[in-house]
Amino acid sequence: MHRADRLAAILDQLTQNGSVDVKRTALTLDVSQATLRRDLRALDEQGLLSRTHGGAVAGDIGLELPLRYREAHHQPQKRLIGKAAADLVSDGTVVGMTAGTTVTEVARALVHTSDVTVVTNALNIATELVLRPSLRVVVAGGTARHASYALVGPAADTAIDGLHLDMAFVGVDGLSVGEGASGHDEVEAHTDRSFLLRARRTVVVADSSKLGRVAFARICRTDEIDDLVTDDGADPAILNAFRECGVRVLVTSA
């Protein structure tokens, strides 16, 4: 396992359990205890956890991992979701894109489109797409969040409110039939909602690990979602429940 994947796995365990044990985690990740201790030391120096005797406990990151660590999780599934979602975009379309690792894969897959305008509040997406002459990139400015590279807040909301979007791709931290789409940060969730309010079609892109989960701040209700693009690891019962709510579900597979 590469070090980046290992660090992401450690942080993921912290978000789920609140702590990690050196012996148990080293065995799970198939690395030496010395290697794991070095990983914990590196994460401690970044302020992402607090080391303890025999392990570590969660630091100030709460439930949200920084983007650079989340990118490694479910990467093959996210890439397939991104390609399938990008196929929904026609030439000449105006597309909104929120921040998030799965939405980033949608952006990367827009290689065969032309005359497409992308409106985004994600710094990393804007940086990648501005190099493509076939795309026009509009950035909604605001206050930058280090965890997601998103520009959020009143300035971003105002910029988006003045635009008309054909479709919006929305990334989520949780998606359930009863609670809809949700994210870890309430300010970012509000800016995400600005995208879908200005779009004629809202497409939520989420790998199967997000389904059935509820994060802190609601982005939108289920009946405000037009399409869901996910992977074949999703529970069929959950997918059928979304279909019964009128959501078009597209499932990708390797």
Protein backbone atom coordinates (compact mmCIF):
# COMPACT_ATOMS: atom_id res chain seq x y z
CA MET A 1 0.00 0.00 0.00
CA HIS A 2 1.32 3.44 -0.94
CA ARG A 3 1.96 5.88 1.89
CA ALA A 4 -0.79 8.26 0.75
CA ASP A 5 -3.32 5.41 0.79
CA ARG A 6 -2.06 4.32 4.20
CA LEU A 7 -2.40 7.80 5.69
CA ALA A 8 -5.91 8.08 4.27
CA ALA A 9 -6.82 4.70 5.79
CA ILE A 10 -5.51 5.79 9.18
CA LEU A 11 -7.53 9.02 9.08
CA ASP A 12 -10.60 7.15 7.90
CA GLN A 13 -10.34 4.83 10.88
CA LEU A 14 -10.04 7.85 13.15
CA THR A 15 -13.24 9.37 11.77
CA GLN A 16 -15.10 6.10 12.29
CA ASN A 17 -13.72 4.98 15.66
CA GLY A 18 -12.16 8.08 17.19
CA SER A 19 -8.84 6.32 17.75
CA VAL A 20 -6.30 3.92 16.24
CA ASP A 21 -4.24 1.21 17.89
CA VAL A 22 -0.70 0.70 16.56
CA LYS A 23 -0.64 -3.09 16.82
CA ARG A 24 -4.09 -3.69 15.36
CA THR A 25 -3.81 -1.08 12.60
CA ALA A 26 -0.32 -2.22 11.56
CA LEU A 27 -1.68 -5.73 11.16
CA THR A 28 -4.70 -4.50 9.18
CA LEU A 29 -2.56 -2.40 6.83
CA ASP A 30 0.14 -5.08 6.59
CA VAL A 31 2.99 -2.80 7.66
CA SER A 32 5.44 -2.85 10.52
CA GLN A 33 4.62 -1.09 13.76
CA ALA A 34 7.64 1.15 13.21
CA THR A 35 6.23 2.27 9.86
CA LEU A 36 2.84 2.97 11.37
CA ARG A 37 4.38 5.01 14.18
CA ARG A 38 6.19 7.13 11.58
CA ASP A 39 2.86 7.67 9.81
CA LEU A 40 1.21 8.71 13.07
CA ARG A 41 4.07 11.08 13.80
CA ALA A 42 3.68 12.72 10.38
CA LEU A 43 -0.07 13.15 10.84
CA ASP A 44 0.45 14.48 14.37
CA GLU A 45 2.88 17.10 13.04
CA GLN A 46 0.16 18.23 10.62
CA GLY A 47 -2.32 18.58 13.48
CA LEU A 48 -4.61 15.86 12.10
CA LEU A 49 -4.45 13.62 15.16
CA SER A 50 -2.95 13.40 18.66
CA ARG A 51 -0.56 10.57 19.42
CA THR A 52 -1.11 8.49 22.55
CA HIS A 53 0.72 5.58 24.14
CA GLY A 54 0.08 2.73 21.74
CA GLY A 55 -1.83 4.68 19.13
CA ALA A 56 -3.57 7.99 18.44
CA VAL A 57 -6.88 9.80 18.88
CA ALA A 58 -8.71 12.19 16.58
CA GLY A 59 -7.46 15.77 16.55
CA ASP A 60 -9.31 18.84 15.33
CA ILE A 61 -10.38 17.46 11.94
CA GLY A 62 -13.78 16.40 13.22
CA LEU A 63 -15.46 14.24 10.61
CA GLU A 64 -13.93 15.81 7.52
CA LEU A 65 -10.68 14.62 5.98
CA PRO A 66 -8.60 17.07 3.94
CA LEU A 67 -9.07 16.63 0.20
CA ARG A 68 -5.53 15.36 -0.38
CA TYR A 69 -6.32 12.31 1.77
CA ARG A 70 -9.87 11.71 0.58
CA GLU A 71 -8.71 11.54 -3.05
CA ALA A 72 -7.16 8.12 -2.45
CA HIS A 73 -10.38 6.57 -1.17
CA HIS A 74 -12.51 4.58 -3.63
CA GLN A 75 -10.52 6.12 -6.47
CA PRO A 76 -11.38 3.49 -9.13
CA GLN A 77 -15.09 3.86 -8.39
CA LYS A 78 -14.90 7.65 -8.44
CA ARG A 79 -13.11 7.60 -11.77
CA LEU A 80 -15.85 5.43 -13.33
CA ILE A 81 -18.55 7.65 -11.84
CA GLY A 82 -16.79 10.70 -13.25
CA LYS A 83 -16.68 9.26 -16.76
CA ALA A 84 -20.35 8.22 -16.68
CA ALA A 85 -21.43 11.61 -15.35
CA ALA A 86 -19.34 13.48 -17.93
CA ASP A 87 -21.15 11.56 -20.67
CA LEU A 88 -24.32 13.40 -19.61
CA VAL A 89 -22.78 16.69 -20.73
CA SER A 90 -23.54 17.80 -24.29
CA ASP A 91 -21.56 20.30 -26.33
CA GLY A 92 -22.58 23.86 -25.59
CA THR A 93 -23.78 23.08 -22.06
CA VAL A 94 -23.31 25.37 -19.06
CA VAL A 95 -22.26 23.16 -16.16
CA GLY A 96 -21.96 23.93 -12.46
CA MET A 97 -19.49 21.95 -10.35
CA THR A 98 -19.17 21.97 -6.59
CA ALA A 99 -16.00 20.90 -4.80
CA GLY A 100 -15.30 17.27 -4.00
CA THR A 101 -13.19 14.33 -5.11
CA THR A 102 -15.92 12.70 -7.22
CA VAL A 103 -16.89 15.96 -8.93
CA THR A 104 -13.20 16.45 -9.67
CA GLU A 105 -13.27 13.15 -11.60
CA VAL A 106 -16.26 14.46 -13.60
CA ALA A 107 -14.22 17.53 -14.49
CA ARG A 108 -11.24 15.42 -15.56
CA ALA A 109 -13.49 13.35 -17.82
CA LEU A 110 -14.72 16.37 -19.81
CA VAL A 111 -12.08 15.76 -22.46
CA HIS A 112 -14.40 15.04 -25.39
CA THR A 113 -16.68 18.04 -24.99
CA SER A 114 -16.41 21.40 -26.71
CA ASP A 115 -17.94 24.82 -26.18
CA VAL A 116 -18.77 23.88 -22.59
CA THR A 117 -18.81 26.50 -19.83
CA VAL A 118 -17.91 25.25 -16.37
CA VAL A 119 -18.87 27.30 -13.33
CA THR A 120 -17.12 26.08 -10.20
CA ASN A 121 -16.19 27.20 -6.71
CA ALA A 122 -13.45 24.56 -6.43
CA LEU A 123 -9.92 25.89 -6.76
CA ASN A 124 -8.46 22.52 -7.79
CA ILE A 125 -11.08 21.98 -10.51
CA ALA A 126 -10.57 25.48 -11.91
CA THR A 127 -6.80 24.97 -11.95
CA GLU A 128 -7.11 21.75 -13.95
CA LEU A 129 -9.75 22.93 -16.42
CA VAL A 130 -8.24 26.32 -17.22
CA LEU A 131 -5.54 24.48 -19.19
CA ARG A 132 -8.13 23.11 -21.63
CA PRO A 133 -8.83 25.57 -24.46
CA SER A 134 -12.10 23.81 -25.37
CA LEU A 135 -13.62 24.78 -22.02
CA ARG A 136 -14.61 28.15 -20.62
CA VAL A 137 -14.08 28.31 -16.86
CA VAL A 138 -15.94 30.69 -14.55
CA VAL A 139 -14.86 30.75 -10.89
CA ALA A 140 -17.28 31.76 -8.15
CA GLY A 141 -15.11 33.57 -5.62
CA GLY A 142 -15.45 33.40 -1.87
CA THR A 143 -13.64 32.33 1.28
CA ALA A 144 -11.35 29.32 0.71
CA ARG A 145 -11.77 26.17 2.79
CA HIS A 146 -8.53 24.24 3.25
CA ALA A 147 -10.28 20.89 3.66
CA SER A 148 -12.03 20.93 0.29
CA TYR A 149 -10.40 23.76 -1.74
CA ALA A 150 -13.90 25.22 -2.06
CA LEU A 151 -14.64 28.95 -2.22
CA VAL A 152 -17.72 29.49 -0.07
CA GLY A 153 -19.81 32.11 1.64
CA PRO A 154 -21.88 35.15 0.59
CA ALA A 155 -19.52 36.22 -2.21
CA ALA A 156 -19.67 32.79 -3.84
CA ASP A 157 -23.43 32.53 -3.34
CA THR A 158 -24.02 35.94 -4.94
CA ALA A 159 -21.86 35.08 -7.95
CA ILE A 160 -23.73 31.82 -8.55
CA ASP A 161 -27.16 33.39 -8.02
CA GLY A 162 -26.61 35.61 -11.04
CA LEU A 163 -26.04 32.72 -13.45
CA HIS A 164 -28.18 30.23 -15.36
CA LEU A 165 -26.92 26.62 -15.41
CA ASP A 166 -28.09 23.77 -17.60
CA MET A 167 -26.94 21.23 -15.04
CA ALA A 168 -25.05 21.05 -11.77
CA PHE A 169 -22.84 18.25 -10.49
CA VAL A 170 -22.98 18.14 -6.71
CA GLY A 171 -20.62 16.22 -4.47
CA VAL A 172 -21.82 15.04 -1.06
CA ASP A 173 -20.53 13.58 2.19
CA GLY A 174 -23.79 11.78 2.85
CA LEU A 175 -26.87 10.84 0.84
CA SER A 176 -30.00 9.19 2.20
CA VAL A 177 -33.57 8.93 1.00
CA GLY A 178 -34.98 10.45 4.18
CA GLU A 179 -32.49 13.28 4.67
CA GLY A 180 -31.33 14.00 1.12
CA ALA A 181 -27.83 15.23 0.33
CA SER A 182 -25.59 16.54 3.09
CA GLY A 183 -22.08 17.81 3.77
CA HIS A 184 -19.77 18.30 6.72
CA ASP A 185 -19.68 22.11 6.62
CA GLU A 186 -22.82 24.25 6.79
CA VAL A 187 -21.36 27.20 4.86
CA GLU A 188 -20.13 24.98 2.02
CA ALA A 189 -23.48 23.16 1.98
CA HIS A 190 -25.24 26.51 1.50
CA THR A 191 -22.99 27.38 -1.44
CA ASP A 192 -23.55 23.91 -2.92
CA ARG A 193 -27.28 24.55 -2.70
CA SER A 194 -26.81 27.75 -4.69
CA PHE A 195 -25.59 25.63 -7.60
CA LEU A 196 -28.62 23.37 -7.68
CA LEU A 197 -31.06 26.26 -7.28
CA ARG A 198 -29.67 27.83 -10.46
CA ALA A 199 -29.58 24.57 -12.46
CA ARG A 200 -32.30 23.02 -14.59
CA ARG A 201 -30.91 19.55 -13.79
CA THR A 202 -29.17 18.46 -10.59
CA VAL A 203 -26.84 15.45 -10.70
CA VAL A 204 -25.45 14.08 -7.45
CA VAL A 205 -22.26 12.06 -7.89
CA ALA A 206 -21.40 9.83 -4.95
CA ASP A 207 -19.57 6.56 -4.48
CA SER A 208 -21.48 3.82 -2.68
CA SER A 209 -19.81 4.51 0.69
CA LYS A 210 -21.75 7.79 0.90
CA LEU A 211 -25.19 6.21 0.45
CA GLY A 212 -27.28 5.79 3.58
CA ARG A 213 -25.08 8.26 5.47
CA VAL A 214 -26.12 11.64 6.87
CA ALA A 215 -23.58 14.43 7.39
CA PHE A 216 -23.93 17.56 9.50
CA ALA A 217 -25.47 20.07 7.07
CA ARG A 218 -28.23 19.43 4.55
CA ILE A 219 -27.59 20.48 0.96
CA CYS A 220 -30.97 19.54 -0.49
CA ARG A 221 -33.94 17.21 -0.15
CA THR A 222 -34.15 14.00 -2.15
CA ASP A 223 -36.99 15.38 -4.29
CA GLU A 224 -34.66 18.16 -5.46
CA ILE A 225 -32.24 15.65 -7.04
CA ASP A 226 -32.80 14.69 -10.67
CA ASP A 227 -30.01 12.13 -11.14
CA LEU A 228 -27.72 10.02 -8.99
CA VAL A 229 -24.54 8.52 -10.44
CA THR A 230 -22.91 5.90 -8.19
CA ASP A 231 -21.07 2.56 -8.36
CA ASP A 232 -22.20 -1.05 -8.20
CA GLY A 233 -21.17 -1.39 -4.57
CA ALA A 234 -24.39 0.38 -3.60
CA ASP A 235 -27.15 -1.47 -1.77
CA PRO A 236 -29.86 -2.28 -4.38
CA ALA A 237 -32.58 -1.56 -1.81
CA ILE A 238 -31.25 1.97 -1.30
CA LEU A 239 -31.05 2.56 -5.05
CA ASN A 240 -34.62 1.35 -5.52
CA ALA A 241 -35.77 3.70 -2.78
CA PHE A 242 -34.20 6.62 -4.64
CA ARG A 243 -35.89 5.50 -7.87
CA GLU A 244 -39.24 5.40 -6.07
CA CYS A 245 -38.65 9.03 -5.11
CA GLY A 246 -38.29 9.94 -8.78
CA VAL A 247 -34.48 10.06 -8.93
CA ARG A 248 -32.89 8.66 -12.10
CA VAL A 249 -30.14 6.30 -10.96
CA LEU A 250 -27.10 5.46 -13.06
CA VAL A 251 -24.87 2.67 -11.71
CA THR A 252 -21.33 2.21 -12.97
CA SER A 253 -19.33 -1.02 -12.92
CA ALA A 254 -15.78 -1.99 -13.76
